[in-house]
């Protein structure tokens, strides 16, 4: 689509530079997407992680403190959310 549009406009120096810049950025993005990402996990660890992520009986979330993660039973997690929600609601006096 970009090439069709660039043929229809008057080819002035700023426009040619803009088209060249857009093409270069597009090529950089596409080449960045094709790079292989090397994980620091083995295949078995990667498969185990995928199984955990697909398990609907557990919840994986960030810890309240620190930079860790928490894996909890979904029913327990929903129960704790209900308690937090009940404590956060204003009470009528």
N, C-alpha and C. Protein backbone atom coordinates (compact mmCIF):
# COMPACT_ATOMS: atom_id res chain seq x y z
N UNK A 1 0.82 -1.18 0.00
CA UNK A 1 0.00 0.00 0.00
C UNK A 1 0.87 1.25 0.00
N UNK A 2 1.96 1.23 0.71
CA UNK A 2 2.86 2.38 0.78
C UNK A 2 3.47 2.65 -0.58
N UNK A 3 3.84 1.62 -1.30
CA UNK A 3 4.45 1.80 -2.61
C UNK A 3 3.45 2.37 -3.61
N UNK A 4 2.20 1.93 -3.57
CA UNK A 4 1.19 2.45 -4.47
C UNK A 4 0.96 3.94 -4.20
N UNK A 5 0.91 4.31 -2.95
CA UNK A 5 0.68 5.70 -2.56
C UNK A 5 1.86 6.57 -2.98
N UNK A 6 3.08 6.07 -2.81
CA UNK A 6 4.26 6.87 -3.12
C UNK A 6 4.38 7.13 -4.62
N UNK A 7 3.80 6.30 -5.47
CA UNK A 7 3.84 6.51 -6.91
C UNK A 7 2.91 7.65 -7.30
N UNK A 8 1.81 7.81 -6.57
CA UNK A 8 0.80 8.80 -6.93
C UNK A 8 1.15 10.22 -6.50
N UNK A 9 2.06 10.41 -5.56
CA UNK A 9 2.38 11.75 -5.08
C UNK A 9 3.56 12.33 -5.85
N UNK A 10 3.68 13.64 -5.79
CA UNK A 10 4.80 14.29 -6.44
C UNK A 10 6.06 13.95 -5.67
N UNK A 11 7.07 13.48 -6.35
CA UNK A 11 8.28 13.01 -5.68
C UNK A 11 9.23 14.17 -5.46
N UNK A 12 9.03 14.84 -4.35
CA UNK A 12 9.95 15.90 -3.96
C UNK A 12 10.95 15.29 -2.98
N UNK A 13 12.02 16.00 -2.72
CA UNK A 13 13.07 15.47 -1.84
C UNK A 13 12.55 15.12 -0.45
N UNK A 14 11.75 16.00 0.23
CA UNK A 14 11.26 15.62 1.56
C UNK A 14 10.38 14.36 1.52
N UNK A 15 9.57 14.22 0.48
CA UNK A 15 8.69 13.05 0.39
C UNK A 15 9.52 11.79 0.15
N UNK A 16 10.52 11.86 -0.69
CA UNK A 16 11.38 10.71 -0.94
C UNK A 16 12.10 10.31 0.35
N UNK A 17 12.57 11.32 1.09
CA UNK A 17 13.23 11.02 2.36
C UNK A 17 12.26 10.38 3.35
N UNK A 18 11.03 10.85 3.37
CA UNK A 18 10.03 10.29 4.28
C UNK A 18 9.72 8.84 3.90
N UNK A 19 9.54 8.58 2.63
CA UNK A 19 9.26 7.22 2.17
C UNK A 19 10.45 6.31 2.50
N UNK A 20 11.66 6.78 2.31
CA UNK A 20 12.85 5.99 2.64
C UNK A 20 12.92 5.71 4.13
N UNK A 21 12.58 6.72 4.94
CA UNK A 21 12.60 6.56 6.40
C UNK A 21 11.55 5.54 6.84
N UNK A 22 10.35 5.66 6.31
CA UNK A 22 9.27 4.73 6.68
C UNK A 22 9.65 3.31 6.27
N UNK A 23 10.22 3.14 5.11
CA UNK A 23 10.65 1.82 4.64
C UNK A 23 11.74 1.25 5.55
N UNK A 24 12.67 2.09 5.97
CA UNK A 24 13.75 1.62 6.85
C UNK A 24 13.19 1.20 8.21
N UNK A 25 12.26 1.99 8.74
CA UNK A 25 11.66 1.64 10.04
C UNK A 25 10.88 0.34 9.93
N UNK A 26 10.11 0.19 8.86
CA UNK A 26 9.34 -1.03 8.64
C UNK A 26 10.27 -2.24 8.57
N UNK A 27 11.37 -2.11 7.85
CA UNK A 27 12.33 -3.21 7.73
C UNK A 27 12.97 -3.54 9.08
N UNK A 28 13.27 -2.52 9.88
CA UNK A 28 13.85 -2.75 11.21
C UNK A 28 12.86 -3.49 12.11
N UNK A 29 11.60 -3.10 12.07
CA UNK A 29 10.58 -3.75 12.90
C UNK A 29 10.42 -5.20 12.49
N UNK A 30 10.33 -5.45 11.21
CA UNK A 30 10.16 -6.82 10.72
C UNK A 30 11.37 -7.68 11.07
N UNK A 31 12.57 -7.15 10.91
CA UNK A 31 13.75 -7.94 11.26
C UNK A 31 13.83 -8.19 12.76
N UNK A 32 13.36 -7.23 13.56
CA UNK A 32 13.33 -7.42 15.01
C UNK A 32 12.36 -8.51 15.42
N UNK A 33 11.27 -8.64 14.71
CA UNK A 33 10.29 -9.68 15.01
C UNK A 33 10.79 -11.07 14.65
N UNK A 34 11.69 -11.14 13.71
CA UNK A 34 12.21 -12.43 13.26
C UNK A 34 13.36 -12.96 14.11
N UNK A 35 13.89 -12.14 15.01
CA UNK A 35 15.02 -12.58 15.83
C UNK A 35 14.58 -13.70 16.75
N UNK A 36 15.46 -14.64 16.93
CA UNK A 36 15.20 -15.74 17.84
C UNK A 36 15.45 -15.29 19.27
N UNK A 37 14.51 -15.57 20.14
CA UNK A 37 14.67 -15.23 21.55
C UNK A 37 15.19 -16.47 22.27
N UNK A 38 16.28 -16.30 22.97
CA UNK A 38 16.85 -17.42 23.70
C UNK A 38 16.35 -17.35 25.14
N UNK A 39 15.60 -18.36 25.53
CA UNK A 39 15.05 -18.42 26.88
C UNK A 39 16.08 -19.02 27.83
N UNK A 40 15.96 -18.66 29.10
CA UNK A 40 16.86 -19.21 30.09
C UNK A 40 16.23 -20.42 30.78
N UNK A 41 15.32 -21.08 30.09
CA UNK A 41 14.66 -22.27 30.62
C UNK A 41 14.88 -23.43 29.66
N UNK A 42 14.88 -24.61 30.22
CA UNK A 42 14.97 -25.81 29.38
C UNK A 42 13.59 -26.07 28.75
N UNK A 43 13.54 -26.97 27.80
CA UNK A 43 12.26 -27.31 27.15
C UNK A 43 11.25 -27.83 28.18
N UNK A 44 11.71 -28.67 29.11
CA UNK A 44 10.82 -29.23 30.14
C UNK A 44 10.26 -28.12 31.02
N UNK A 45 11.12 -27.16 31.42
CA UNK A 45 10.66 -26.05 32.24
C UNK A 45 9.67 -25.17 31.48
N UNK A 46 9.94 -24.99 30.20
CA UNK A 46 9.03 -24.19 29.37
C UNK A 46 7.66 -24.86 29.25
N UNK A 47 7.65 -26.18 29.07
CA UNK A 47 6.39 -26.91 28.99
C UNK A 47 5.64 -26.88 30.32
N UNK A 48 6.37 -26.99 31.42
CA UNK A 48 5.75 -26.92 32.74
C UNK A 48 5.14 -25.54 32.97
N UNK A 49 5.83 -24.48 32.56
CA UNK A 49 5.32 -23.13 32.68
C UNK A 49 4.05 -22.96 31.86
N UNK A 50 4.03 -23.49 30.66
CA UNK A 50 2.85 -23.40 29.79
C UNK A 50 1.67 -24.13 30.41
N UNK A 51 1.92 -25.29 31.03
CA UNK A 51 0.85 -26.03 31.71
C UNK A 51 0.28 -25.22 32.86
N UNK A 52 1.16 -24.57 33.63
CA UNK A 52 0.67 -23.73 34.73
C UNK A 52 -0.17 -22.57 34.21
N UNK A 53 0.26 -21.95 33.14
CA UNK A 53 -0.47 -20.81 32.59
C UNK A 53 -1.84 -21.22 32.05
N UNK A 54 -1.94 -22.45 31.56
CA UNK A 54 -3.21 -22.93 30.99
C UNK A 54 -4.13 -23.57 32.01
N UNK A 55 -3.67 -23.76 33.24
CA UNK A 55 -4.47 -24.40 34.29
C UNK A 55 -5.49 -23.39 34.84
N UNK A 56 -6.78 -23.72 34.70
CA UNK A 56 -7.84 -22.81 35.16
C UNK A 56 -8.12 -22.93 36.65
N UNK A 57 -7.52 -23.89 37.33
CA UNK A 57 -7.76 -24.08 38.76
C UNK A 57 -6.82 -23.27 39.63
N UNK A 58 -5.85 -22.60 39.03
CA UNK A 58 -4.91 -21.79 39.80
C UNK A 58 -4.88 -20.37 39.25
N UNK A 59 -4.37 -19.47 40.07
CA UNK A 59 -4.19 -18.07 39.68
C UNK A 59 -2.73 -17.72 39.90
N UNK A 60 -2.12 -17.10 38.89
CA UNK A 60 -0.74 -16.65 39.00
C UNK A 60 -0.77 -15.13 38.97
N UNK A 61 -0.24 -14.51 40.02
CA UNK A 61 -0.28 -13.04 40.09
C UNK A 61 0.99 -12.53 40.78
N UNK A 62 1.16 -11.22 40.72
CA UNK A 62 2.31 -10.60 41.37
C UNK A 62 2.10 -10.58 42.88
N UNK A 63 3.18 -10.74 43.61
CA UNK A 63 3.11 -10.68 45.07
C UNK A 63 2.83 -9.24 45.51
N UNK A 64 2.19 -9.11 46.68
CA UNK A 64 1.90 -7.77 47.21
C UNK A 64 3.18 -7.01 47.49
N UNK A 65 4.18 -7.71 47.97
CA UNK A 65 5.46 -7.07 48.30
C UNK A 65 6.58 -7.80 47.57
N UNK A 66 7.58 -7.07 47.18
CA UNK A 66 8.71 -7.67 46.50
C UNK A 66 8.45 -7.83 45.02
N UNK A 67 9.32 -8.58 44.39
CA UNK A 67 9.21 -8.75 42.94
C UNK A 67 8.89 -10.19 42.55
N UNK A 68 8.31 -10.94 43.48
CA UNK A 68 8.00 -12.34 43.21
C UNK A 68 6.61 -12.52 42.62
N UNK A 69 6.30 -13.77 42.34
CA UNK A 69 4.96 -14.12 41.88
C UNK A 69 4.36 -15.11 42.85
N UNK A 70 3.04 -15.20 42.84
CA UNK A 70 2.31 -16.09 43.73
C UNK A 70 1.45 -17.01 42.88
N UNK A 71 1.47 -18.30 43.21
CA UNK A 71 0.61 -19.28 42.57
C UNK A 71 -0.37 -19.75 43.64
N UNK A 72 -1.66 -19.49 43.42
CA UNK A 72 -2.68 -19.83 44.42
C UNK A 72 -3.80 -20.64 43.80
N UNK A 73 -4.47 -21.40 44.65
CA UNK A 73 -5.69 -22.06 44.25
C UNK A 73 -6.73 -20.98 43.93
N UNK A 74 -7.47 -21.15 42.86
CA UNK A 74 -8.39 -20.12 42.40
C UNK A 74 -9.49 -19.84 43.44
N UNK A 75 -10.02 -20.88 44.08
CA UNK A 75 -11.06 -20.68 45.09
C UNK A 75 -10.53 -19.86 46.27
N UNK A 76 -9.32 -20.16 46.71
CA UNK A 76 -8.70 -19.43 47.81
C UNK A 76 -8.48 -17.97 47.42
N UNK A 77 -8.04 -17.74 46.20
CA UNK A 77 -7.80 -16.38 45.70
C UNK A 77 -9.09 -15.58 45.66
N UNK A 78 -10.15 -16.17 45.14
CA UNK A 78 -11.45 -15.48 45.07
C UNK A 78 -11.96 -15.19 46.47
N UNK A 79 -11.76 -16.12 47.41
CA UNK A 79 -12.16 -15.88 48.80
C UNK A 79 -11.43 -14.69 49.41
N UNK A 80 -10.13 -14.59 49.17
CA UNK A 80 -9.36 -13.46 49.69
C UNK A 80 -9.80 -12.15 49.04
N UNK A 81 -10.13 -12.19 47.75
CA UNK A 81 -10.64 -10.99 47.09
C UNK A 81 -11.97 -10.56 47.69
N UNK A 82 -12.84 -11.52 48.00
CA UNK A 82 -14.12 -11.20 48.62
C UNK A 82 -13.92 -10.51 49.97
N UNK A 83 -12.95 -11.00 50.75
CA UNK A 83 -12.67 -10.39 52.05
C UNK A 83 -12.15 -8.97 51.86
N UNK A 84 -11.23 -8.77 50.93
CA UNK A 84 -10.72 -7.42 50.67
C UNK A 84 -11.82 -6.50 50.20
N UNK A 85 -12.69 -7.00 49.34
CA UNK A 85 -13.80 -6.20 48.82
C UNK A 85 -14.75 -5.80 49.96
N UNK A 86 -15.04 -6.74 50.86
CA UNK A 86 -15.94 -6.45 51.98
C UNK A 86 -15.34 -5.41 52.91
N UNK A 87 -14.02 -5.47 53.13
CA UNK A 87 -13.36 -4.50 53.99
C UNK A 87 -13.25 -3.13 53.34
N UNK A 88 -13.23 -3.09 52.02
CA UNK A 88 -13.07 -1.81 51.31
C UNK A 88 -14.40 -1.06 51.17
N UNK A 89 -15.51 -1.74 51.30
CA UNK A 89 -16.81 -1.08 51.15
C UNK A 89 -17.09 -0.20 52.35
N UNK A 90 -17.61 0.98 52.11
CA UNK A 90 -17.97 1.83 53.25
C UNK A 90 -19.20 1.28 53.95
N UNK A 91 -19.23 1.37 55.25
CA UNK A 91 -20.36 0.85 56.01
C UNK A 91 -21.33 1.99 56.31
N UNK A 92 -22.61 1.69 56.39
CA UNK A 92 -23.62 2.71 56.71
C UNK A 92 -23.70 2.86 58.20
N UNK A 93 -23.82 4.09 58.66
CA UNK A 93 -23.93 4.34 60.11
C UNK A 93 -25.23 4.98 60.43
